[in-house]
Amino acid sequence: MKAILEVKQLVKKYGDFTAVDGISFDIMEGEIFSLLGPNGAGKTTTISMLSTLYIPTSGEAVIGGHSVTKEPMAVRNLIGVVPQDLALYEDLTARENLAFWGQMYGLSGKTLNARIEQVLEQIGLVDKAKDRVKTYSGGMKRRVNIGVGLLHKPKLLFMDEPTVGIDPQSRRLILDSVKELNKQGMTVLYTTHYMEEAEELSDRVGIMDNGKLIALGTQAELTKQVGEMETLILHVGENDDPERLAVALRSLKMVRKADVTDHTVSVIVPEAEQALAPAVTRANELGIKIHSVDMREPNLEAVFLHLTGKALRD
């Protein structure tokens, strides 16, 4: 297996602000590689540089043997892009949108018509193909957006937060579509801030925060960084002080970390179930009411919390 994408010390600056700070990684042919991180981590800027939309401040990226800075047209022939923002004409039907963008890719005649039918089948919109896009739900629009990126049969597909703001049913369809495309041989770079999506889809995951790639590997490799730790998540009331509870929990011998996001305290411990009773006792002593509790085995969110000291949240 060889690398279809190689990224070396890629940097993007806007004045004094560094949006992407010297990241390096590669993607193997046939792989689903996810960039996981909170909003503002630099994921979209990275995609924009790799798709030749933005020029890197420094560093290099090579796709299929072609430099994104020196051979942008050759790169564009190899990639498909599903942007976070919808790139559709709402007064046109799904079929008309696909026809328009297919022509932009240089497709025409029977070849274009055949690809439109294949793509409509892939995104599950054959029955709605003649409806104007403005009548579609958010999830259906997202699916047409994905279809546009597939028309020219790219070697590498970039998908930037494709499930943001859509209903659960459409989200499920998109995730299943990504897995099916991968089974058919498509290599995918997928960005998300949803930990469960990265866990479900990815062969390997790169975790980004503040423009830096802070961890990279398979899920098994990444979760080893927190050992056999589990996460106990305590949801407290709006009028309670979660930071006060976190401080109290840090004094417990079993607690490795306790961090606050909004009205949630995330606690890393060897065994979440055993830590629950002492945690509730501390909360009661402080007069803090715990409204609900979640327990999670070692996962990517625990890795993010371990590396950054903050929870991965929307």
C-alpha atoms as a PDB file:
ATOM      1  CA  MET A   1       0.000   0.000   0.000  1.00  0.00           C
ATOM      2  CA  LYS A   2       1.401   3.412  -0.946  1.00  0.00           C
ATOM      3  CA  ALA A   3       0.603   6.950   0.132  1.00  0.00           C
ATOM      4  CA  ILE A   4      -1.780   8.911  -2.088  1.00  0.00           C
ATOM      5  CA  LEU A   5      -1.292  12.041   0.042  1.00  0.00           C
ATOM      6  CA  GLU A   6       1.855  13.272   1.797  1.00  0.00           C
ATOM      7  CA  VAL A   7       1.759  16.399   3.934  1.00  0.00           C
ATOM      8  CA  LYS A   8       5.031  17.884   5.191  1.00  0.00           C
ATOM      9  CA  GLN A   9       5.226  20.744   7.696  1.00  0.00           C
ATOM     10  CA  LEU A  10       2.205  22.553   6.257  1.00  0.00           C
ATOM     11  CA  VAL A  11       1.664  26.065   7.622  1.00  0.00           C
ATOM     12  CA  LYS A  12      -1.004  28.714   6.994  1.00  0.00           C
ATOM     13  CA  LYS A  13      -0.724  32.153   8.586  1.00  0.00           C
ATOM     14  CA  TYR A  14      -2.963  35.202   8.447  1.00  0.00           C
ATOM     15  CA  GLY A  15      -0.806  38.043   9.713  1.00  0.00           C
ATOM     16  CA  ASP A  16       0.194  37.148  13.260  1.00  0.00           C
ATOM     17  CA  PHE A  17      -2.401  34.364  13.492  1.00  0.00           C
ATOM     18  CA  THR A  18      -1.324  30.812  12.650  1.00  0.00           C
ATOM     19  CA  ALA A  19      -4.326  28.761  11.525  1.00  0.00           C
ATOM     20  CA  VAL A  20      -2.318  25.626  10.665  1.00  0.00           C
ATOM     21  CA  ASP A  21       0.985  25.161  12.441  1.00  0.00           C
ATOM     22  CA  GLY A  22       3.457  22.800  10.767  1.00  0.00           C
ATOM     23  CA  ILE A  23       1.364  19.641  10.428  1.00  0.00           C
ATOM     24  CA  SER A  24       2.673  16.469   8.772  1.00  0.00           C
ATOM     25  CA  PHE A  25       0.828  13.250   7.911  1.00  0.00           C
ATOM     26  CA  ASP A  26       0.127  10.890   5.032  1.00  0.00           C
ATOM     27  CA  ILE A  27      -2.857   8.930   3.781  1.00  0.00           C
ATOM     28  CA  MET A  28      -2.605   5.468   2.253  1.00  0.00           C
ATOM     29  CA  GLU A  29      -4.582   4.440  -0.826  1.00  0.00           C
ATOM     30  CA  GLY A  30      -7.925   2.910   0.176  1.00  0.00           C
ATOM     31  CA  GLU A  31      -7.879   4.435   3.661  1.00  0.00           C
ATOM     32  CA  ILE A  32     -10.418   6.517   5.561  1.00  0.00           C
ATOM     33  CA  PHE A  33      -8.377   9.077   7.460  1.00  0.00           C
ATOM     34  CA  SER A  34     -10.159  11.451   9.841  1.00  0.00           C
ATOM     35  CA  LEU A  35      -9.014  14.801  11.149  1.00  0.00           C
ATOM     36  CA  LEU A  36     -10.785  15.141  14.498  1.00  0.00           C
ATOM     37  CA  GLY A  37     -10.877  18.365  16.444  1.00  0.00           C
ATOM     38  CA  PRO A  38     -13.087  21.148  17.787  1.00  0.00           C
ATOM     39  CA  ASN A  39     -14.341  24.038  15.690  1.00  0.00           C
ATOM     40  CA  GLY A  40     -11.428  26.368  14.973  1.00  0.00           C
ATOM     41  CA  ALA A  41      -8.797  23.630  15.183  1.00  0.00           C
ATOM     42  CA  GLY A  42      -7.608  24.246  11.604  1.00  0.00           C
ATOM     43  CA  LYS A  43      -9.306  21.320   9.847  1.00  0.00           C
ATOM     44  CA  THR A  44     -11.098  23.356   7.160  1.00  0.00           C
ATOM     45  CA  THR A  45      -8.019  25.462   6.471  1.00  0.00           C
ATOM     46  CA  THR A  46      -6.044  22.246   5.990  1.00  0.00           C
ATOM     47  CA  ILE A  47      -8.628  20.920   3.515  1.00  0.00           C
ATOM     48  CA  SER A  48      -8.587  24.263   1.686  1.00  0.00           C
ATOM     49  CA  MET A  49      -4.808  24.069   1.205  1.00  0.00           C
ATOM     50  CA  LEU A  50      -4.871  20.438   0.111  1.00  0.00           C
ATOM     51  CA  SER A  51      -7.605  21.176  -2.433  1.00  0.00           C
ATOM     52  CA  THR A  52      -5.526  24.097  -3.846  1.00  0.00           C
ATOM     53  CA  LEU A  53      -8.043  26.736  -2.722  1.00  0.00           C
ATOM     54  CA  TYR A  54      -5.543  28.336  -0.316  1.00  0.00           C
ATOM     55  CA  ILE A  55      -1.814  28.697  -0.916  1.00  0.00           C
ATOM     56  CA  PRO A  56       0.231  27.418   2.048  1.00  0.00           C
ATOM     57  CA  THR A  57       2.448  29.924   3.848  1.00  0.00           C
ATOM     58  CA  SER A  58       5.112  27.220   3.963  1.00  0.00           C
ATOM     59  CA  GLY A  59       5.467  23.455   3.791  1.00  0.00           C
ATOM     60  CA  GLU A  60       4.304  21.112   1.047  1.00  0.00           C
ATOM     61  CA  ALA A  61       1.656  18.560   0.182  1.00  0.00           C
ATOM     62  CA  VAL A  62       1.820  16.004  -2.610  1.00  0.00           C
ATOM     63  CA  ILE A  63      -1.233  14.172  -3.976  1.00  0.00           C
ATOM     64  CA  GLY A  64      -0.724  11.283  -6.391  1.00  0.00           C
ATOM     65  CA  GLY A  65       2.814  12.496  -7.013  1.00  0.00           C
ATOM     66  CA  HIS A  66       1.744  16.087  -7.771  1.00  0.00           C
ATOM     67  CA  SER A  67       2.531  19.161  -5.661  1.00  0.00           C
ATOM     68  CA  VAL A  68      -0.493  21.188  -4.545  1.00  0.00           C
ATOM     69  CA  THR A  69       1.541  24.386  -4.967  1.00  0.00           C
ATOM     70  CA  LYS A  70       3.381  23.621  -8.216  1.00  0.00           C
ATOM     71  CA  GLU A  71       0.860  21.420 -10.048  1.00  0.00           C
ATOM     72  CA  PRO A  72      -2.594  22.525  -8.826  1.00  0.00           C
ATOM     73  CA  MET A  73      -4.451  21.525 -12.014  1.00  0.00           C
ATOM     74  CA  ALA A  74      -3.066  17.978 -11.890  1.00  0.00           C
ATOM     75  CA  VAL A  75      -4.114  17.777  -8.223  1.00  0.00           C
ATOM     76  CA  ARG A  76      -7.651  18.971  -8.998  1.00  0.00           C
ATOM     77  CA  ASN A  77      -8.089  16.155 -11.486  1.00  0.00           C
ATOM     78  CA  LEU A  78      -7.362  13.628  -8.724  1.00  0.00           C
ATOM     79  CA  ILE A  79      -9.516  14.989  -5.923  1.00  0.00           C
ATOM     80  CA  GLY A  80     -13.174  15.458  -5.113  1.00  0.00           C
ATOM     81  CA  VAL A  81     -14.233  18.032  -2.529  1.00  0.00           C
ATOM     82  CA  VAL A  82     -17.351  18.059  -0.368  1.00  0.00           C
ATOM     83  CA  PRO A  83     -17.140  21.470   1.329  1.00  0.00           C
ATOM     84  CA  GLN A  84     -18.699  22.391   4.639  1.00  0.00           C
ATOM     85  CA  ASP A  85     -20.718  25.116   2.925  1.00  0.00           C
ATOM     86  CA  LEU A  86     -23.232  23.935   0.338  1.00  0.00           C
ATOM     87  CA  ALA A  87     -22.225  24.642  -3.278  1.00  0.00           C
ATOM     88  CA  LEU A  88     -25.611  24.199  -4.965  1.00  0.00           C
ATOM     89  CA  TYR A  89     -28.101  26.200  -7.030  1.00  0.00           C
ATOM     90  CA  GLU A  90     -31.352  25.941  -5.094  1.00  0.00           C
ATOM     91  CA  ASP A  91     -33.610  26.870  -8.031  1.00  0.00           C
ATOM     92  CA  LEU A  92     -32.233  23.901 -10.006  1.00  0.00           C
ATOM     93  CA  THR A  93     -33.153  20.260  -9.477  1.00  0.00           C
ATOM     94  CA  ALA A  94     -30.658  17.749  -8.111  1.00  0.00           C
ATOM     95  CA  ARG A  95     -30.171  16.350 -11.611  1.00  0.00           C
ATOM     96  CA  GLU A  96     -29.601  19.852 -13.044  1.00  0.00           C
ATOM     97  CA  ASN A  97     -27.088  20.668 -10.315  1.00  0.00           C
ATOM     98  CA  LEU A  98     -25.166  17.481 -11.050  1.00  0.00           C
ATOM     99  CA  ALA A  99     -25.265  18.212 -14.788  1.00  0.00           C
ATOM    100  CA  PHE A 100     -23.922  21.728 -14.250  1.00  0.00           C
ATOM    101  CA  TRP A 101     -21.050  20.646 -12.033  1.00  0.00           C
ATOM    102  CA  GLY A 102     -20.311  17.644 -14.226  1.00  0.00           C
ATOM    103  CA  GLN A 103     -19.769  20.015 -17.147  1.00  0.00           C
ATOM    104  CA  MET A 104     -17.415  22.057 -14.946  1.00  0.00           C
ATOM    105  CA  TYR A 105     -15.401  18.845 -14.502  1.00  0.00           C
ATOM    106  CA  GLY A 106     -15.284  18.444 -18.288  1.00  0.00           C
ATOM    107  CA  LEU A 107     -17.874  15.665 -18.544  1.00  0.00           C
ATOM    108  CA  SER A 108     -20.479  15.690 -21.312  1.00  0.00           C
ATOM    109  CA  GLY A 109     -22.920  13.596 -23.346  1.00  0.00           C
ATOM    110  CA  LYS A 110     -23.538   9.963 -22.484  1.00  0.00           C
ATOM    111  CA  THR A 111     -20.614   9.874 -20.051  1.00  0.00           C
ATOM    112  CA  LEU A 112     -22.101  12.716 -17.992  1.00  0.00           C
ATOM    113  CA  ASN A 113     -25.622  11.272 -18.068  1.00  0.00           C
ATOM    114  CA  ALA A 114     -24.368   7.879 -16.960  1.00  0.00           C
ATOM    115  CA  ARG A 115     -22.405   9.401 -14.087  1.00  0.00           C
ATOM    116  CA  ILE A 116     -25.416  11.447 -12.969  1.00  0.00           C
ATOM    117  CA  GLU A 117     -27.551   8.298 -12.761  1.00  0.00           C
ATOM    118  CA  GLN A 118     -24.831   6.428 -10.870  1.00  0.00           C
ATOM    119  CA  VAL A 119     -24.318   9.269  -8.415  1.00  0.00           C
ATOM    120  CA  LEU A 120     -28.069   9.725  -7.801  1.00  0.00           C
ATOM    121  CA  GLU A 121     -28.189   6.038  -6.929  1.00  0.00           C
ATOM    122  CA  GLN A 122     -25.197   6.376  -4.596  1.00  0.00           C
ATOM    123  CA  ILE A 123     -26.694   9.302  -2.677  1.00  0.00           C
ATOM    124  CA  GLY A 124     -30.183   7.815  -2.553  1.00  0.00           C
ATOM    125  CA  LEU A 125     -32.014  10.573  -4.444  1.00  0.00           C
ATOM    126  CA  VAL A 126     -33.207   8.897  -7.638  1.00  0.00           C
ATOM    127  CA  ASP A 127     -36.857   9.488  -6.701  1.00  0.00           C
ATOM    128  CA  LYS A 128     -36.262  13.159  -5.863  1.00  0.00           C
ATOM    129  CA  ALA A 129     -33.914  13.954  -8.752  1.00  0.00           C
ATOM    130  CA  LYS A 130     -36.432  16.212 -10.534  1.00  0.00           C
ATOM    131  CA  ASP A 131     -37.360  18.241  -7.443  1.00  0.00           C
ATOM    132  CA  ARG A 132     -35.844  21.679  -6.951  1.00  0.00           C
ATOM    133  CA  VAL A 133     -33.095  21.686  -4.335  1.00  0.00           C
ATOM    134  CA  LYS A 134     -34.800  24.504  -2.401  1.00  0.00           C
ATOM    135  CA  THR A 135     -37.538  22.004  -1.462  1.00  0.00           C
ATOM    136  CA  TYR A 136     -35.000  19.579   0.057  1.00  0.00           C
ATOM    137  CA  SER A 137     -34.230  19.055   3.722  1.00  0.00           C
ATOM    138  CA  GLY A 138     -30.786  19.987   5.001  1.00  0.00           C
ATOM    139  CA  GLY A 139     -29.721  16.352   4.887  1.00  0.00           C
ATOM    140  CA  MET A 140     -30.845  15.897   1.284  1.00  0.00           C
ATOM    141  CA  LYS A 141     -28.906  19.005   0.249  1.00  0.00           C
ATOM    142  CA  ARG A 142     -25.825  17.570   1.943  1.00  0.00           C
ATOM    143  CA  ARG A 143     -26.246  14.390  -0.076  1.00  0.00           C
ATOM    144  CA  VAL A 144     -26.385  16.338  -3.364  1.00  0.00           C
ATOM    145  CA  ASN A 145     -23.264  18.184  -2.206  1.00  0.00           C
ATOM    146  CA  ILE A 146     -21.532  14.820  -1.803  1.00  0.00           C
ATOM    147  CA  GLY A 147     -22.759  13.747  -5.229  1.00  0.00           C
ATOM    148  CA  VAL A 148     -21.085  16.753  -6.847  1.00  0.00           C
ATOM    149  CA  GLY A 149     -17.759  15.685  -5.383  1.00  0.00           C
ATOM    150  CA  LEU A 150     -18.140  12.163  -6.796  1.00  0.00           C
ATOM    151  CA  LEU A 151     -19.057  12.980 -10.402  1.00  0.00           C
ATOM    152  CA  HIS A 152     -15.587  12.771 -11.945  1.00  0.00           C
ATOM    153  CA  LYS A 153     -14.559   9.601 -10.035  1.00  0.00           C
ATOM    154  CA  PRO A 154     -11.819  11.173  -7.905  1.00  0.00           C
ATOM    155  CA  LYS A 155      -8.961   9.131  -6.470  1.00  0.00           C
ATOM    156  CA  LEU A 156      -9.144  11.006  -3.159  1.00  0.00           C
ATOM    157  CA  LEU A 157     -12.301  12.511  -1.640  1.00  0.00           C
ATOM    158  CA  PHE A 158     -12.139  15.375   0.875  1.00  0.00           C
ATOM    159  CA  MET A 159     -15.211  15.597   3.117  1.00  0.00           C
ATOM    160  CA  ASP A 160     -15.282  18.625   5.418  1.00  0.00           C
ATOM    161  CA  GLU A 161     -17.793  18.242   8.274  1.00  0.00           C
ATOM    162  CA  PRO A 162     -20.443  16.707   5.951  1.00  0.00           C
ATOM    163  CA  THR A 163     -22.988  15.964   8.709  1.00  0.00           C
ATOM    164  CA  VAL A 164     -23.152  19.355  10.427  1.00  0.00           C
ATOM    165  CA  GLY A 165     -26.694  20.567  11.024  1.00  0.00           C
ATOM    166  CA  ILE A 166     -28.606  17.623   9.582  1.00  0.00           C
ATOM    167  CA  ASP A 167     -31.173  15.183  10.933  1.00  0.00           C
ATOM    168  CA  PRO A 168     -30.117  11.792  12.367  1.00  0.00           C
ATOM    169  CA  GLN A 169     -31.556   9.810   9.434  1.00  0.00           C
ATOM    170  CA  SER A 170     -29.590  11.783   6.838  1.00  0.00           C
ATOM    171  CA  ARG A 171     -26.495  11.600   9.018  1.00  0.00           C
ATOM    172  CA  ARG A 172     -26.812   7.830   9.133  1.00  0.00           C
ATOM    173  CA  LEU A 173     -27.170   7.657   5.363  1.00  0.00           C
ATOM    174  CA  ILE A 174     -24.090   9.821   4.825  1.00  0.00           C
ATOM    175  CA  LEU A 175     -21.940   7.735   7.178  1.00  0.00           C
ATOM    176  CA  ASP A 176     -23.094   4.543   5.481  1.00  0.00           C
ATOM    177  CA  SER A 177     -22.359   6.133   2.093  1.00  0.00           C
ATOM    178  CA  VAL A 178     -18.805   6.954   3.160  1.00  0.00           C
ATOM    179  CA  LYS A 179     -18.224   3.359   4.209  1.00  0.00           C
ATOM    180  CA  GLU A 180     -19.704   2.045   0.970  1.00  0.00           C
ATOM    181  CA  LEU A 181     -17.558   4.378  -1.129  1.00  0.00           C
ATOM    182  CA  ASN A 182     -14.521   3.165   0.752  1.00  0.00           C
ATOM    183  CA  LYS A 183     -15.473  -0.466   0.079  1.00  0.00           C
ATOM    184  CA  GLN A 184     -15.528   0.439  -3.612  1.00  0.00           C
ATOM    185  CA  GLY A 185     -11.931   1.671  -3.353  1.00  0.00           C
ATOM    186  CA  MET A 186     -12.351   5.372  -2.580  1.00  0.00           C
ATOM    187  CA  THR A 187      -9.726   6.999  -0.341  1.00  0.00           C
ATOM    188  CA  VAL A 188     -11.319   9.522   2.024  1.00  0.00           C
ATOM    189  CA  LEU A 189     -10.049  12.404   4.138  1.00  0.00           C
ATOM    190  CA  TYR A 190     -12.878  13.176   6.556  1.00  0.00           C
ATOM    191  CA  THR A 191     -12.966  16.082   9.004  1.00  0.00           C
ATOM    192  CA  THR A 192     -15.275  16.112  11.993  1.00  0.00           C
ATOM    193  CA  HIS A 193     -15.698  17.338  15.548  1.00  0.00           C
ATOM    194  CA  TYR A 194     -17.923  14.361  16.369  1.00  0.00           C
ATOM    195  CA  MET A 195     -15.853  11.763  18.185  1.00  0.00           C
ATOM    196  CA  GLU A 196     -18.311   8.951  17.395  1.00  0.00           C
ATOM    197  CA  GLU A 197     -18.026   9.587  13.633  1.00  0.00           C
ATOM    198  CA  ALA A 198     -14.244   9.320  13.721  1.00  0.00           C
ATOM    199  CA  GLU A 199     -14.506   6.136  15.778  1.00  0.00           C
ATOM    200  CA  GLU A 200     -16.984   4.534  13.388  1.00  0.00           C
ATOM    201  CA  LEU A 201     -15.346   5.452  10.083  1.00  0.00           C
ATOM    202  CA  SER A 202     -11.613   5.748  10.480  1.00  0.00           C
ATOM    203  CA  ASP A 203      -8.688   3.486   9.755  1.00  0.00           C
ATOM    204  CA  ARG A 204      -6.498   6.174  11.319  1.00  0.00           C
ATOM    205  CA  VAL A 205      -7.197   9.459  13.090  1.00  0.00           C
ATOM    206  CA  GLY A 206      -5.257  12.700  13.353  1.00  0.00           C
ATOM    207  CA  ILE A 207      -6.305  14.853  16.307  1.00  0.00           C
ATOM    208  CA  MET A 208      -6.018  18.619  15.745  1.00  0.00           C
ATOM    209  CA  ASP A 209      -6.180  21.484  18.206  1.00  0.00           C
ATOM    210  CA  ASN A 210      -5.137  25.122  17.819  1.00  0.00           C
ATOM    211  CA  GLY A 211      -3.694  24.455  14.365  1.00  0.00           C
ATOM    212  CA  LYS A 212      -1.438  21.635  15.501  1.00  0.00           C
ATOM    213  CA  LEU A 213      -1.639  17.897  14.874  1.00  0.00           C
ATOM    214  CA  ILE A 214      -1.286  16.679  18.449  1.00  0.00           C
ATOM    215  CA  ALA A 215      -1.761  12.937  17.910  1.00  0.00           C
ATOM    216  CA  LEU A 216      -1.895  10.477  15.023  1.00  0.00           C
ATOM    217  CA  GLY A 217      -2.570   6.757  14.759  1.00  0.00           C
ATOM    218  CA  THR A 218      -5.144   3.999  14.801  1.00  0.00           C
ATOM    219  CA  GLN A 219      -7.812   4.187  17.482  1.00  0.00           C
ATOM    220  CA  ALA A 220      -6.083   1.396  19.394  1.00  0.00           C
ATOM    221  CA  GLU A 221      -2.768   3.255  19.249  1.00  0.00           C
ATOM    222  CA  LEU A 222      -4.334   6.504  20.407  1.00  0.00           C
ATOM    223  CA  THR A 223      -6.333   5.067  23.284  1.00  0.00           C
ATOM    224  CA  LYS A 224      -3.166   3.459  24.646  1.00  0.00           C
ATOM    225  CA  GLN A 225      -2.071   6.992  25.481  1.00  0.00           C
ATOM    226  CA  VAL A 226      -4.639   7.055  28.276  1.00  0.00           C
ATOM    227  CA  GLY A 227      -3.965   3.463  29.250  1.00  0.00           C
ATOM    228  CA  GLU A 228      -6.987   1.624  30.580  1.00  0.00           C
ATOM    229  CA  MET A 229      -8.603   4.840  31.771  1.00  0.00           C
ATOM    230  CA  GLU A 230     -12.357   5.402  31.521  1.00  0.00           C
ATOM    231  CA  THR A 231     -14.319   8.637  31.502  1.00  0.00           C
ATOM    232  CA  LEU A 232     -17.023   9.509  34.024  1.00  0.00           C
ATOM    233  CA  ILE A 233     -19.138  12.421  32.787  1.00  0.00           C
ATOM    234  CA  LEU A 234     -21.202  14.339  35.346  1.00  0.00           C
ATOM    235  CA  HIS A 235     -23.888  16.794  34.205  1.00  0.00           C
ATOM    236  CA  VAL A 236     -24.709  19.426  36.836  1.00  0.00           C
ATOM    237  CA  GLY A 237     -27.371  22.101  37.075  1.00  0.00           C
ATOM    238  CA  GLU A 238     -27.120  25.522  35.430  1.00  0.00           C
ATOM    239  CA  ASN A 239     -26.958  27.238  38.825  1.00  0.00           C
ATOM    240  CA  ASP A 240     -24.254  24.926  40.176  1.00  0.00           C
ATOM    241  CA  ASP A 241     -20.497  25.508  39.985  1.00  0.00           C
ATOM    242  CA  PRO A 242     -18.908  22.669  37.966  1.00  0.00           C
ATOM    243  CA  GLU A 243     -15.380  24.052  38.483  1.00  0.00           C
ATOM    244  CA  ARG A 244     -15.831  23.796  42.247  1.00  0.00           C
ATOM    245  CA  LEU A 245     -16.855  20.159  41.827  1.00  0.00           C
ATOM    246  CA  ALA A 246     -13.899  19.464  39.518  1.00  0.00           C
ATOM    247  CA  VAL A 247     -11.471  20.878  42.103  1.00  0.00           C
ATOM    248  CA  ALA A 248     -12.978  18.638  44.786  1.00  0.00           C
ATOM    249  CA  LEU A 249     -12.816  15.553  42.567  1.00  0.00           C
ATOM    250  CA  ARG A 250      -9.154  16.147  41.723  1.00  0.00           C
ATOM    251  CA  SER A 251      -8.319  15.463  45.347  1.00  0.00           C
ATOM    252  CA  LEU A 252      -9.648  11.902  45.055  1.00  0.00           C
ATOM    253  CA  LYS A 253      -6.820   9.397  44.734  1.00  0.00           C
ATOM    254  CA  MET A 254      -8.449   7.522  41.828  1.00  0.00           C
ATOM    255  CA  VAL A 255      -8.990  10.654  39.702  1.00  0.00           C
ATOM    256  CA  ARG A 256      -6.369  11.312  37.017  1.00  0.00           C
ATOM    257  CA  LYS A 257      -8.035  14.412  35.544  1.00  0.00           C
ATOM    258  CA  ALA A 258     -11.215  16.400  36.052  1.00  0.00           C
ATOM    259  CA  ASP A 259     -12.097  19.093  33.527  1.00  0.00           C
ATOM    260  CA  VAL A 260     -15.078  21.344  32.934  1.00  0.00           C
ATOM    261  CA  THR A 261     -17.007  22.188  29.772  1.00  0.00           C
ATOM    262  CA  ASP A 262     -20.148  24.281  30.280  1.00  0.00           C
ATOM    263  CA  HIS A 263     -22.125  22.406  32.946  1.00  0.00           C
ATOM    264  CA  THR A 264     -20.313  19.109  32.517  1.00  0.00           C
ATOM    265  CA  VAL A 265     -17.419  17.660  34.511  1.00  0.00           C
ATOM    266  CA  SER A 266     -15.396  15.008  32.648  1.00  0.00           C
ATOM    267  CA  VAL A 267     -13.372  12.794  34.980  1.00  0.00           C
ATOM    268  CA  ILE A 268     -10.707  10.317  33.849  1.00  0.00           C
ATOM    269  CA  VAL A 269     -10.426   7.353  36.199  1.00  0.00           C
ATOM    270  CA  PRO A 270      -9.352   3.684  36.064  1.00  0.00           C
ATOM    271  CA  GLU A 271     -12.950   2.485  36.560  1.00  0.00           C
ATOM    272  CA  ALA A 272     -15.855   4.872  36.065  1.00  0.00           C
ATOM    273  CA  GLU A 273     -18.378   2.720  37.923  1.00  0.00           C
ATOM    274  CA  GLN A 274     -16.263   2.588  41.075  1.00  0.00           C
ATOM    275  CA  ALA A 275     -15.645   6.337  40.922  1.00  0.00           C
ATOM    276  CA  LEU A 276     -19.332   7.229  40.710  1.00  0.00           C
ATOM    277  CA  ALA A 277     -20.227   6.880  44.408  1.00  0.00           C
ATOM    278  CA  PRO A 278     -17.263   8.969  45.682  1.00  0.00           C
ATOM    279  CA  ALA A 279     -17.993  11.589  43.017  1.00  0.00           C
ATOM    280  CA  VAL A 280     -21.657  11.846  44.035  1.00  0.00           C
ATOM    281  CA  THR A 281     -20.642  12.057  47.692  1.00  0.00           C
ATOM    282  CA  ARG A 282     -18.324  14.994  46.949  1.00  0.00           C
ATOM    283  CA  ALA A 283     -21.071  16.706  44.966  1.00  0.00           C
ATOM    284  CA  ASN A 284     -23.550  16.254  47.839  1.00  0.00           C
ATOM    285  CA  GLU A 285     -21.036  17.678  50.314  1.00  0.00           C
ATOM    286  CA  LEU A 286     -20.799  20.788  48.138  1.00  0.00           C
ATOM    287  CA  GLY A 287     -24.557  21.030  47.630  1.00  0.00           C
ATOM    288  CA  ILE A 288     -24.173  20.404  43.900  1.00  0.00           C
ATOM    289  CA  LYS A 289     -26.862  18.365  42.172  1.00  0.00           C
ATOM    290  CA  ILE A 290     -25.815  15.838  39.516  1.00  0.00           C
ATOM    291  CA  HIS A 291     -28.611  15.640  36.957  1.00  0.00           C
ATOM    292  CA  SER A 292     -27.277  12.767  34.835  1.00  0.00           C
ATOM    293  CA  VAL A 293     -24.209  10.582  34.418  1.00  0.00           C
ATOM    294  CA  ASP A 294     -22.437   8.974  31.450  1.00  0.00           C
ATOM    295  CA  MET A 295     -19.663   6.388  31.569  1.00  0.00           C
ATOM    296  CA  ARG A 296     -17.328   5.734  28.659  1.00  0.00           C
ATOM    297  CA  GLU A 297     -14.574   3.255  28.027  1.00  0.00           C
ATOM    298  CA  PRO A 298     -11.254   4.559  26.623  1.00  0.00           C
ATOM    299  CA  ASN A 299     -12.103   6.498  23.459  1.00  0.00           C
ATOM    300  CA  LEU A 300     -10.938   9.369  21.286  1.00  0.00           C
ATOM    301  CA  GLU A 301     -12.611  11.953  23.485  1.00  0.00           C
ATOM    302  CA  ALA A 302     -10.632  10.660  26.455  1.00  0.00           C
ATOM    303  CA  VAL A 303      -7.464  10.951  24.368  1.00  0.00           C
ATOM    304  CA  PHE A 304      -8.322  14.564  23.481  1.00  0.00           C
ATOM    305  CA  LEU A 305      -9.027  15.362  27.116  1.00  0.00           C
ATOM    306  CA  HIS A 306      -5.774  13.690  28.165  1.00  0.00           C
ATOM    307  CA  LEU A 307      -3.700  15.634  25.618  1.00  0.00           C
ATOM    308  CA  THR A 308      -5.318  19.071  25.894  1.00  0.00           C
ATOM    309  CA  GLY A 309      -6.938  19.193  29.307  1.00  0.00           C
ATOM    310  CA  LYS A 310     -10.292  20.050  27.737  1.00  0.00           C
ATOM    311  CA  ALA A 311     -13.274  18.075  26.523  1.00  0.00           C
ATOM    312  CA  LEU A 312     -14.078  17.669  22.825  1.00  0.00           C
ATOM    313  CA  ARG A 313     -17.472  19.299  22.416  1.00  0.00           C
ATOM    314  CA  ASP A 314     -19.574  20.857  19.625  1.00  0.00           C
END
